[in-house]
């Protein structure tokens, strides 16, 4: 597998983990974009939504980034989902 292929697979895995955690908090999640490269997350309660991107941040490490300056380490998707939920409920 090429480095690019590895990143696509890893990105999907990290975004899927975040989606699983976010859904337990009542958020709606849909993988979208080429090869599931983005995660659309919305809050039914507030009507707010955002796109989340996962990117390598260091060798072996990944980060989540979303609009409004939101970010979190992908190594803790539970905490990332908490931060994301709080940012969408404003």
N, C-alpha and C. Protein backbone atom coordinates (compact mmCIF):
# COMPACT_ATOMS: atom_id res chain seq x y z
N UNK A 1 0.85 -1.18 0.00
CA UNK A 1 0.00 0.00 0.00
C UNK A 1 0.89 1.24 0.00
N UNK A 2 0.52 2.24 -0.75
CA UNK A 2 1.29 3.48 -0.82
C UNK A 2 1.03 4.32 0.42
N UNK A 3 1.90 5.30 0.64
CA UNK A 3 1.72 6.21 1.78
C UNK A 3 0.38 6.92 1.67
N UNK A 4 0.01 7.34 0.46
CA UNK A 4 -1.28 8.00 0.27
C UNK A 4 -2.42 7.06 0.62
N UNK A 5 -2.33 5.81 0.19
CA UNK A 5 -3.35 4.82 0.51
C UNK A 5 -3.45 4.56 2.00
N UNK A 6 -2.31 4.54 2.68
CA UNK A 6 -2.30 4.36 4.13
C UNK A 6 -2.99 5.53 4.82
N UNK A 7 -2.75 6.74 4.32
CA UNK A 7 -3.39 7.92 4.93
C UNK A 7 -4.89 7.89 4.73
N UNK A 8 -5.35 7.45 3.55
CA UNK A 8 -6.80 7.37 3.31
C UNK A 8 -7.43 6.39 4.29
N UNK A 9 -6.82 5.21 4.43
CA UNK A 9 -7.34 4.19 5.34
C UNK A 9 -7.32 4.69 6.78
N UNK A 10 -6.21 5.29 7.19
CA UNK A 10 -6.10 5.81 8.56
C UNK A 10 -7.11 6.93 8.80
N UNK A 11 -7.25 7.83 7.83
CA UNK A 11 -8.19 8.95 7.97
C UNK A 11 -9.60 8.41 8.18
N UNK A 12 -10.01 7.44 7.37
CA UNK A 12 -11.34 6.86 7.51
C UNK A 12 -11.51 6.21 8.89
N UNK A 13 -10.49 5.51 9.33
CA UNK A 13 -10.56 4.84 10.65
C UNK A 13 -10.73 5.86 11.76
N UNK A 14 -9.93 6.93 11.73
CA UNK A 14 -10.03 7.96 12.78
C UNK A 14 -11.39 8.67 12.74
N UNK A 15 -11.86 8.98 11.53
CA UNK A 15 -13.15 9.66 11.42
C UNK A 15 -14.30 8.75 11.86
N UNK A 16 -14.21 7.47 11.57
CA UNK A 16 -15.23 6.52 12.00
C UNK A 16 -15.27 6.41 13.53
N UNK A 17 -14.10 6.41 14.15
CA UNK A 17 -14.06 6.37 15.62
C UNK A 17 -14.72 7.61 16.21
N UNK A 18 -14.43 8.77 15.63
CA UNK A 18 -15.05 10.00 16.12
C UNK A 18 -16.56 9.95 15.90
N UNK A 19 -16.99 9.49 14.74
CA UNK A 19 -18.43 9.40 14.45
C UNK A 19 -19.13 8.51 15.47
N UNK A 20 -18.53 7.38 15.79
CA UNK A 20 -19.13 6.48 16.79
C UNK A 20 -19.31 7.19 18.13
N UNK A 21 -18.28 7.92 18.56
CA UNK A 21 -18.36 8.64 19.84
C UNK A 21 -19.36 9.79 19.77
N UNK A 22 -19.36 10.52 18.67
CA UNK A 22 -20.26 11.67 18.53
C UNK A 22 -21.72 11.22 18.51
N UNK A 23 -22.00 10.09 17.89
CA UNK A 23 -23.38 9.61 17.83
C UNK A 23 -23.90 9.23 19.22
N UNK A 24 -23.03 8.79 20.11
CA UNK A 24 -23.49 8.48 21.47
C UNK A 24 -23.85 9.76 22.23
N UNK A 25 -23.46 10.90 21.70
CA UNK A 25 -23.80 12.20 22.30
C UNK A 25 -24.97 12.86 21.58
N UNK A 26 -25.64 12.11 20.73
CA UNK A 26 -26.82 12.61 20.04
C UNK A 26 -26.54 13.39 18.77
N UNK A 27 -25.31 13.39 18.31
CA UNK A 27 -24.97 14.11 17.09
C UNK A 27 -25.19 13.22 15.86
N UNK A 28 -25.50 13.85 14.74
CA UNK A 28 -25.65 13.12 13.48
C UNK A 28 -24.34 13.20 12.72
N UNK A 29 -23.91 12.06 12.17
CA UNK A 29 -22.61 12.00 11.50
C UNK A 29 -22.72 11.28 10.17
N UNK A 30 -22.04 11.83 9.16
CA UNK A 30 -22.00 11.22 7.84
C UNK A 30 -20.62 11.39 7.25
N UNK A 31 -19.98 10.28 6.88
CA UNK A 31 -18.72 10.37 6.15
C UNK A 31 -19.04 10.85 4.74
N UNK A 32 -18.25 11.76 4.23
CA UNK A 32 -18.52 12.36 2.94
C UNK A 32 -17.20 12.67 2.23
N UNK A 33 -17.30 13.17 1.03
CA UNK A 33 -16.11 13.54 0.28
C UNK A 33 -15.45 12.33 -0.36
N UNK A 34 -14.42 12.59 -1.15
CA UNK A 34 -13.71 11.50 -1.81
C UNK A 34 -13.12 10.54 -0.78
N UNK A 35 -13.40 9.27 -0.93
CA UNK A 35 -12.87 8.23 -0.05
C UNK A 35 -13.24 8.44 1.42
N UNK A 36 -14.36 9.10 1.70
CA UNK A 36 -14.77 9.33 3.09
C UNK A 36 -13.79 10.19 3.84
N UNK A 37 -13.22 11.20 3.16
CA UNK A 37 -12.16 12.02 3.74
C UNK A 37 -12.65 13.07 4.73
N UNK A 38 -13.95 13.30 4.79
CA UNK A 38 -14.52 14.30 5.70
C UNK A 38 -15.66 13.69 6.48
N UNK A 39 -15.89 14.24 7.65
CA UNK A 39 -17.02 13.81 8.48
C UNK A 39 -17.91 15.02 8.70
N UNK A 40 -19.16 14.93 8.24
CA UNK A 40 -20.13 15.99 8.52
C UNK A 40 -20.81 15.64 9.83
N UNK A 41 -20.78 16.57 10.77
CA UNK A 41 -21.38 16.37 12.08
C UNK A 41 -22.37 17.50 12.33
N UNK A 42 -23.57 17.15 12.78
CA UNK A 42 -24.55 18.19 13.10
C UNK A 42 -25.26 17.85 14.40
N UNK A 43 -25.74 18.90 15.04
CA UNK A 43 -26.48 18.77 16.29
C UNK A 43 -27.96 19.00 16.00
N UNK A 44 -28.80 17.98 16.17
CA UNK A 44 -30.24 18.17 15.96
C UNK A 44 -30.81 19.22 16.92
N UNK A 45 -30.25 19.33 18.11
CA UNK A 45 -30.76 20.27 19.11
C UNK A 45 -30.55 21.72 18.69
N UNK A 46 -29.36 22.05 18.21
CA UNK A 46 -29.06 23.45 17.88
C UNK A 46 -29.19 23.75 16.39
N UNK A 47 -29.14 22.72 15.56
CA UNK A 47 -29.18 22.93 14.12
C UNK A 47 -27.82 23.27 13.53
N UNK A 48 -26.79 23.38 14.37
CA UNK A 48 -25.45 23.70 13.88
C UNK A 48 -24.76 22.46 13.35
N UNK A 49 -23.87 22.69 12.39
CA UNK A 49 -23.11 21.59 11.83
C UNK A 49 -21.73 22.04 11.44
N UNK A 50 -20.85 21.09 11.20
CA UNK A 50 -19.49 21.40 10.79
C UNK A 50 -18.91 20.20 10.06
N UNK A 51 -17.84 20.42 9.33
CA UNK A 51 -17.09 19.36 8.69
C UNK A 51 -15.84 19.14 9.52
N UNK A 52 -15.50 17.87 9.74
CA UNK A 52 -14.31 17.50 10.50
C UNK A 52 -13.33 16.82 9.57
N UNK A 53 -12.08 17.21 9.68
CA UNK A 53 -11.01 16.65 8.89
C UNK A 53 -10.02 15.99 9.84
N UNK A 54 -9.50 14.83 9.49
CA UNK A 54 -8.45 14.18 10.28
C UNK A 54 -7.16 14.26 9.48
N UNK A 55 -6.09 14.67 10.15
CA UNK A 55 -4.82 14.79 9.44
C UNK A 55 -3.67 14.32 10.31
N UNK A 56 -2.62 13.81 9.67
CA UNK A 56 -1.44 13.42 10.45
C UNK A 56 -0.83 14.65 11.10
N UNK A 57 -0.52 14.56 12.37
CA UNK A 57 0.06 15.71 13.08
C UNK A 57 1.50 15.46 13.48
N UNK A 58 1.90 14.21 13.49
CA UNK A 58 3.27 13.83 13.81
C UNK A 58 3.43 12.38 13.34
N UNK A 59 4.63 11.89 13.30
CA UNK A 59 4.78 10.49 12.90
C UNK A 59 3.95 9.58 13.81
N UNK A 60 2.97 8.93 13.22
CA UNK A 60 2.12 8.03 13.99
C UNK A 60 0.96 8.69 14.70
N UNK A 61 0.91 10.02 14.73
CA UNK A 61 -0.16 10.74 15.43
C UNK A 61 -1.09 11.45 14.46
N UNK A 62 -2.34 11.57 14.86
CA UNK A 62 -3.35 12.24 14.04
C UNK A 62 -4.10 13.25 14.90
N UNK A 63 -4.67 14.26 14.23
CA UNK A 63 -5.49 15.28 14.89
C UNK A 63 -6.78 15.47 14.12
N UNK A 64 -7.82 15.87 14.85
CA UNK A 64 -9.08 16.29 14.25
C UNK A 64 -9.10 17.80 14.19
N UNK A 65 -9.61 18.35 13.10
CA UNK A 65 -9.77 19.79 12.95
C UNK A 65 -11.18 20.08 12.45
N UNK A 66 -11.82 21.14 13.01
CA UNK A 66 -13.13 21.55 12.53
C UNK A 66 -13.24 23.06 12.61
N UNK A 67 -14.26 23.60 11.97
CA UNK A 67 -14.41 25.05 11.86
C UNK A 67 -14.47 25.73 13.22
N UNK A 68 -14.15 27.00 13.23
CA UNK A 68 -14.14 27.77 14.47
C UNK A 68 -12.90 27.54 15.31
N UNK A 69 -11.88 26.92 14.70
CA UNK A 69 -10.62 26.69 15.42
C UNK A 69 -10.63 25.46 16.29
N UNK A 70 -11.62 24.59 16.11
CA UNK A 70 -11.68 23.38 16.92
C UNK A 70 -10.64 22.36 16.51
N UNK A 71 -10.05 21.74 17.51
CA UNK A 71 -9.09 20.68 17.23
C UNK A 71 -8.96 19.79 18.46
N UNK A 72 -8.54 18.56 18.21
CA UNK A 72 -8.33 17.60 19.30
C UNK A 72 -7.47 16.46 18.76
N UNK A 73 -6.81 15.79 19.66
CA UNK A 73 -6.02 14.63 19.29
C UNK A 73 -6.94 13.48 18.91
N UNK A 74 -6.61 12.80 17.83
CA UNK A 74 -7.40 11.65 17.41
C UNK A 74 -7.16 10.44 18.32
N UNK A 75 -6.14 10.51 19.15
CA UNK A 75 -5.88 9.39 20.06
C UNK A 75 -6.93 9.29 21.17
N UNK A 76 -7.75 10.33 21.33
CA UNK A 76 -8.82 10.32 22.34
C UNK A 76 -10.13 10.79 21.69
N UNK A 77 -10.76 9.93 20.87
CA UNK A 77 -11.98 10.34 20.18
C UNK A 77 -13.13 10.69 21.12
N UNK A 78 -13.14 10.13 22.33
CA UNK A 78 -14.17 10.47 23.30
C UNK A 78 -14.09 11.94 23.70
N UNK A 79 -12.88 12.39 24.03
CA UNK A 79 -12.69 13.80 24.38
C UNK A 79 -12.98 14.70 23.18
N UNK A 80 -12.55 14.26 22.00
CA UNK A 80 -12.81 15.04 20.79
C UNK A 80 -14.31 15.20 20.56
N UNK A 81 -15.08 14.12 20.79
CA UNK A 81 -16.52 14.19 20.62
C UNK A 81 -17.15 15.14 21.63
N UNK A 82 -16.65 15.15 22.86
CA UNK A 82 -17.14 16.09 23.87
C UNK A 82 -16.91 17.53 23.42
N UNK A 83 -15.70 17.82 22.94
CA UNK A 83 -15.37 19.17 22.49
C UNK A 83 -16.21 19.56 21.28
N UNK A 84 -16.38 18.63 20.37
CA UNK A 84 -17.17 18.89 19.17
C UNK A 84 -18.63 19.15 19.54
N UNK A 85 -19.18 18.34 20.42
CA UNK A 85 -20.57 18.53 20.85
C UNK A 85 -20.75 19.89 21.51
N UNK A 86 -19.80 20.27 22.36
CA UNK A 86 -19.89 21.58 23.03
C UNK A 86 -19.83 22.72 22.01
N UNK A 87 -19.00 22.57 20.99
CA UNK A 87 -18.88 23.65 20.00
C UNK A 87 -20.13 23.77 19.15
N UNK A 88 -20.85 22.67 18.93
CA UNK A 88 -22.06 22.70 18.12
C UNK A 88 -23.29 23.12 18.91
N UNK A 89 -23.24 23.03 20.23
CA UNK A 89 -24.40 23.39 21.05
C UNK A 89 -24.39 24.85 21.47
N UNK A 90 -23.44 25.62 20.98
CA UNK A 90 -23.40 27.05 21.35
C UNK A 90 -24.48 27.82 20.65
